[in-house]
């Protein structure tokens, strides 16, 4: 009887484990991305990006290597120094997670809209796309 209880406990942990393991990395990556945006830290923002990432900053968008994206973001942060970033939505549609919020910058009357698309691959989440726009994002 004792082995049956232990076996059931192990089975329940095993069944519950993958959901917790998969959710936690995305939550911690979300925190890292929001903090990096709020600090204007391009290097930190791109640490969890694949070899190529899509950036669309105020209408100008394309696919960049991680290093190219870093320099593009550094220029953006210099032109629009961040004050704070607020997430409004966090949607999970496997294998993607969409983060939508506002980017407040110095001298801003209204914030920019921020959209990030994360992709779940090989057990980890990666930042695949970052968009910053002046209007409301279409969903």
C-alpha atoms as a PDB file:
ATOM      1  CA  UNK A   1       0.000   0.000   0.000  1.00  0.00           C
ATOM      2  CA  UNK A   2       2.848   2.384   0.844  1.00  0.00           C
ATOM      3  CA  UNK A   3       4.427   1.809  -2.581  1.00  0.00           C
ATOM      4  CA  UNK A   4       1.114   2.578  -4.240  1.00  0.00           C
ATOM      5  CA  UNK A   5       0.907   5.961  -2.440  1.00  0.00           C
ATOM      6  CA  UNK A   6       4.517   6.769  -3.352  1.00  0.00           C
ATOM      7  CA  UNK A   7       3.873   5.733  -6.948  1.00  0.00           C
ATOM      8  CA  UNK A   8       0.769   7.913  -7.162  1.00  0.00           C
ATOM      9  CA  UNK A   9       2.656  10.844  -5.637  1.00  0.00           C
ATOM     10  CA  UNK A  10       5.484  10.471  -8.148  1.00  0.00           C
ATOM     11  CA  UNK A  11       2.969  10.189 -10.993  1.00  0.00           C
ATOM     12  CA  UNK A  12       1.170  13.370  -9.870  1.00  0.00           C
ATOM     13  CA  UNK A  13       4.461  15.261  -9.596  1.00  0.00           C
ATOM     14  CA  UNK A  14       5.485  14.006 -13.020  1.00  0.00           C
ATOM     15  CA  UNK A  15       2.177  15.085 -14.541  1.00  0.00           C
ATOM     16  CA  UNK A  16       2.262  18.516 -12.872  1.00  0.00           C
ATOM     17  CA  UNK A  17       5.960  19.079 -13.491  1.00  0.00           C
ATOM     18  CA  UNK A  18       6.060  19.953 -17.202  1.00  0.00           C
ATOM     19  CA  UNK A  19       3.396  22.682 -16.897  1.00  0.00           C
ATOM     20  CA  UNK A  20       5.299  24.368 -14.057  1.00  0.00           C
ATOM     21  CA  UNK A  21       8.656  23.980 -15.757  1.00  0.00           C
ATOM     22  CA  UNK A  22       7.322  25.451 -19.002  1.00  0.00           C
ATOM     23  CA  UNK A  23       5.478  28.338 -17.343  1.00  0.00           C
ATOM     24  CA  UNK A  24       8.311  29.518 -15.101  1.00  0.00           C
ATOM     25  CA  UNK A  25      10.914  30.210 -17.817  1.00  0.00           C
ATOM     26  CA  UNK A  26       8.418  32.330 -19.774  1.00  0.00           C
ATOM     27  CA  UNK A  27       7.508  34.288 -16.629  1.00  0.00           C
ATOM     28  CA  UNK A  28      11.138  34.956 -15.765  1.00  0.00           C
ATOM     29  CA  UNK A  29      11.927  35.861 -19.381  1.00  0.00           C
ATOM     30  CA  UNK A  30       8.982  38.270 -19.331  1.00  0.00           C
ATOM     31  CA  UNK A  31      10.482  39.998 -16.269  1.00  0.00           C
ATOM     32  CA  UNK A  32      13.909  40.175 -17.908  1.00  0.00           C
ATOM     33  CA  UNK A  33      12.468  41.656 -21.113  1.00  0.00           C
ATOM     34  CA  UNK A  34      10.401  44.291 -19.308  1.00  0.00           C
ATOM     35  CA  UNK A  35      13.347  45.289 -17.088  1.00  0.00           C
ATOM     36  CA  UNK A  36      15.728  45.427 -20.069  1.00  0.00           C
ATOM     37  CA  UNK A  37      13.307  47.623 -22.029  1.00  0.00           C
ATOM     38  CA  UNK A  38      12.792  49.898 -19.019  1.00  0.00           C
ATOM     39  CA  UNK A  39      16.565  50.297 -18.632  1.00  0.00           C
ATOM     40  CA  UNK A  40      17.314  50.604 -22.333  1.00  0.00           C
ATOM     41  CA  UNK A  41      19.606  47.578 -22.111  1.00  0.00           C
ATOM     42  CA  UNK A  42      19.798  46.184 -25.657  1.00  0.00           C
ATOM     43  CA  UNK A  43      22.308  43.453 -24.794  1.00  0.00           C
ATOM     44  CA  UNK A  44      20.173  42.064 -21.975  1.00  0.00           C
ATOM     45  CA  UNK A  45      17.024  42.318 -24.075  1.00  0.00           C
ATOM     46  CA  UNK A  46      18.544  40.134 -26.789  1.00  0.00           C
ATOM     47  CA  UNK A  47      20.211  37.511 -24.575  1.00  0.00           C
ATOM     48  CA  UNK A  48      17.296  35.141 -25.097  1.00  0.00           C
ATOM     49  CA  UNK A  49      16.791  35.839 -28.792  1.00  0.00           C
ATOM     50  CA  UNK A  50      17.575  33.367 -31.573  1.00  0.00           C
ATOM     51  CA  UNK A  51      20.314  34.068 -34.121  1.00  0.00           C
ATOM     52  CA  UNK A  52      17.864  36.311 -36.008  1.00  0.00           C
ATOM     53  CA  UNK A  53      15.200  38.529 -34.495  1.00  0.00           C
ATOM     54  CA  UNK A  54      12.553  40.697 -36.108  1.00  0.00           C
ATOM     55  CA  UNK A  55      12.524  44.352 -35.058  1.00  0.00           C
ATOM     56  CA  UNK A  56       9.961  46.905 -36.158  1.00  0.00           C
ATOM     57  CA  UNK A  57      10.663  50.249 -34.527  1.00  0.00           C
ATOM     58  CA  UNK A  58       8.244  53.034 -35.425  1.00  0.00           C
ATOM     59  CA  UNK A  59       7.374  51.542 -38.798  1.00  0.00           C
ATOM     60  CA  UNK A  60      10.826  50.465 -39.894  1.00  0.00           C
ATOM     61  CA  UNK A  61      11.031  46.710 -39.595  1.00  0.00           C
ATOM     62  CA  UNK A  62      13.159  43.846 -40.748  1.00  0.00           C
ATOM     63  CA  UNK A  63      14.929  40.685 -39.688  1.00  0.00           C
ATOM     64  CA  UNK A  64      18.295  41.328 -38.001  1.00  0.00           C
ATOM     65  CA  UNK A  65      21.073  39.205 -36.614  1.00  0.00           C
ATOM     66  CA  UNK A  66      21.315  39.449 -32.838  1.00  0.00           C
ATOM     67  CA  UNK A  67      24.358  41.755 -33.114  1.00  0.00           C
ATOM     68  CA  UNK A  68      22.704  44.018 -35.703  1.00  0.00           C
ATOM     69  CA  UNK A  69      19.550  44.159 -33.572  1.00  0.00           C
ATOM     70  CA  UNK A  70      21.641  45.213 -30.602  1.00  0.00           C
ATOM     71  CA  UNK A  71      22.998  48.265 -32.437  1.00  0.00           C
ATOM     72  CA  UNK A  72      19.571  49.175 -33.825  1.00  0.00           C
ATOM     73  CA  UNK A  73      18.100  49.013 -30.312  1.00  0.00           C
ATOM     74  CA  UNK A  74      20.963  51.035 -28.844  1.00  0.00           C
ATOM     75  CA  UNK A  75      20.188  53.807 -31.358  1.00  0.00           C
ATOM     76  CA  UNK A  76      16.478  53.579 -30.532  1.00  0.00           C
ATOM     77  CA  UNK A  77      17.112  53.818 -26.775  1.00  0.00           C
ATOM     78  CA  UNK A  78      19.393  56.797 -27.324  1.00  0.00           C
ATOM     79  CA  UNK A  79      16.712  58.605 -29.362  1.00  0.00           C
ATOM     80  CA  UNK A  80      13.874  57.570 -27.002  1.00  0.00           C
ATOM     81  CA  UNK A  81      15.349  57.090 -23.504  1.00  0.00           C
ATOM     82  CA  UNK A  82      13.016  54.824 -21.523  1.00  0.00           C
ATOM     83  CA  UNK A  83      11.284  55.869 -18.324  1.00  0.00           C
ATOM     84  CA  UNK A  84       9.147  52.785 -17.707  1.00  0.00           C
ATOM     85  CA  UNK A  85       7.456  49.853 -19.400  1.00  0.00           C
ATOM     86  CA  UNK A  86       4.038  48.519 -18.429  1.00  0.00           C
ATOM     87  CA  UNK A  87       2.640  45.218 -19.676  1.00  0.00           C
ATOM     88  CA  UNK A  88      -1.093  45.176 -20.338  1.00  0.00           C
ATOM     89  CA  UNK A  89      -1.517  41.721 -21.856  1.00  0.00           C
ATOM     90  CA  UNK A  90       0.229  38.385 -21.707  1.00  0.00           C
ATOM     91  CA  UNK A  91      -1.335  35.797 -24.003  1.00  0.00           C
ATOM     92  CA  UNK A  92      -0.221  32.212 -24.414  1.00  0.00           C
ATOM     93  CA  UNK A  93      -1.049  30.517 -27.715  1.00  0.00           C
ATOM     94  CA  UNK A  94       1.346  27.569 -27.901  1.00  0.00           C
ATOM     95  CA  UNK A  95       4.026  27.655 -29.157  1.00  0.00           C
ATOM     96  CA  UNK A  96       3.896  31.481 -28.896  1.00  0.00           C
ATOM     97  CA  UNK A  97       3.492  33.948 -26.076  1.00  0.00           C
ATOM     98  CA  UNK A  98       2.518  37.534 -26.847  1.00  0.00           C
ATOM     99  CA  UNK A  99       3.398  40.419 -24.533  1.00  0.00           C
ATOM    100  CA  UNK A 100       1.680  43.743 -25.179  1.00  0.00           C
ATOM    101  CA  UNK A 101       2.265  46.960 -23.294  1.00  0.00           C
ATOM    102  CA  UNK A 102       3.377  50.574 -23.227  1.00  0.00           C
ATOM    103  CA  UNK A 103       6.825  52.122 -23.440  1.00  0.00           C
ATOM    104  CA  UNK A 104       7.085  55.498 -21.694  1.00  0.00           C
ATOM    105  CA  UNK A 105      10.086  57.557 -22.745  1.00  0.00           C
ATOM    106  CA  UNK A 106      11.553  60.924 -21.896  1.00  0.00           C
ATOM    107  CA  UNK A 107       9.650  63.869 -23.383  1.00  0.00           C
ATOM    108  CA  UNK A 108       6.662  61.647 -24.240  1.00  0.00           C
ATOM    109  CA  UNK A 109       3.157  63.046 -24.194  1.00  0.00           C
ATOM    110  CA  UNK A 110       1.843  59.546 -24.859  1.00  0.00           C
ATOM    111  CA  UNK A 111       3.666  56.222 -24.684  1.00  0.00           C
ATOM    112  CA  UNK A 112       4.630  53.971 -27.559  1.00  0.00           C
ATOM    113  CA  UNK A 113       2.872  50.631 -27.882  1.00  0.00           C
ATOM    114  CA  UNK A 114       5.137  47.599 -27.415  1.00  0.00           C
ATOM    115  CA  UNK A 115       4.531  44.115 -28.784  1.00  0.00           C
ATOM    116  CA  UNK A 116       6.815  41.124 -28.151  1.00  0.00           C
ATOM    117  CA  UNK A 117       6.414  37.637 -29.547  1.00  0.00           C
ATOM    118  CA  UNK A 118       8.113  34.800 -27.722  1.00  0.00           C
ATOM    119  CA  UNK A 119       8.448  31.340 -29.234  1.00  0.00           C
ATOM    120  CA  UNK A 120       8.739  28.089 -27.280  1.00  0.00           C
ATOM    121  CA  UNK A 121      11.315  25.751 -28.778  1.00  0.00           C
ATOM    122  CA  UNK A 122      13.433  22.939 -27.393  1.00  0.00           C
ATOM    123  CA  UNK A 123      12.144  23.550 -23.868  1.00  0.00           C
ATOM    124  CA  UNK A 124      13.020  27.262 -23.753  1.00  0.00           C
ATOM    125  CA  UNK A 125      11.375  30.550 -24.661  1.00  0.00           C
ATOM    126  CA  UNK A 126      13.064  32.963 -27.050  1.00  0.00           C
ATOM    127  CA  UNK A 127      12.282  36.533 -28.105  1.00  0.00           C
ATOM    128  CA  UNK A 128      11.507  36.343 -31.840  1.00  0.00           C
ATOM    129  CA  UNK A 129       9.905  39.710 -32.466  1.00  0.00           C
ATOM    130  CA  UNK A 130       9.817  43.189 -30.963  1.00  0.00           C
ATOM    131  CA  UNK A 131       7.578  45.925 -32.339  1.00  0.00           C
ATOM    132  CA  UNK A 132       7.274  49.496 -31.116  1.00  0.00           C
ATOM    133  CA  UNK A 133       4.615  51.702 -32.661  1.00  0.00           C
ATOM    134  CA  UNK A 134       2.935  55.044 -32.041  1.00  0.00           C
ATOM    135  CA  UNK A 135      -0.675  53.890 -32.431  1.00  0.00           C
ATOM    136  CA  UNK A 136      -2.761  51.132 -30.929  1.00  0.00           C
ATOM    137  CA  UNK A 137      -1.540  47.686 -31.909  1.00  0.00           C
ATOM    138  CA  UNK A 138      -3.820  45.548 -34.021  1.00  0.00           C
ATOM    139  CA  UNK A 139      -4.519  42.183 -32.520  1.00  0.00           C
END
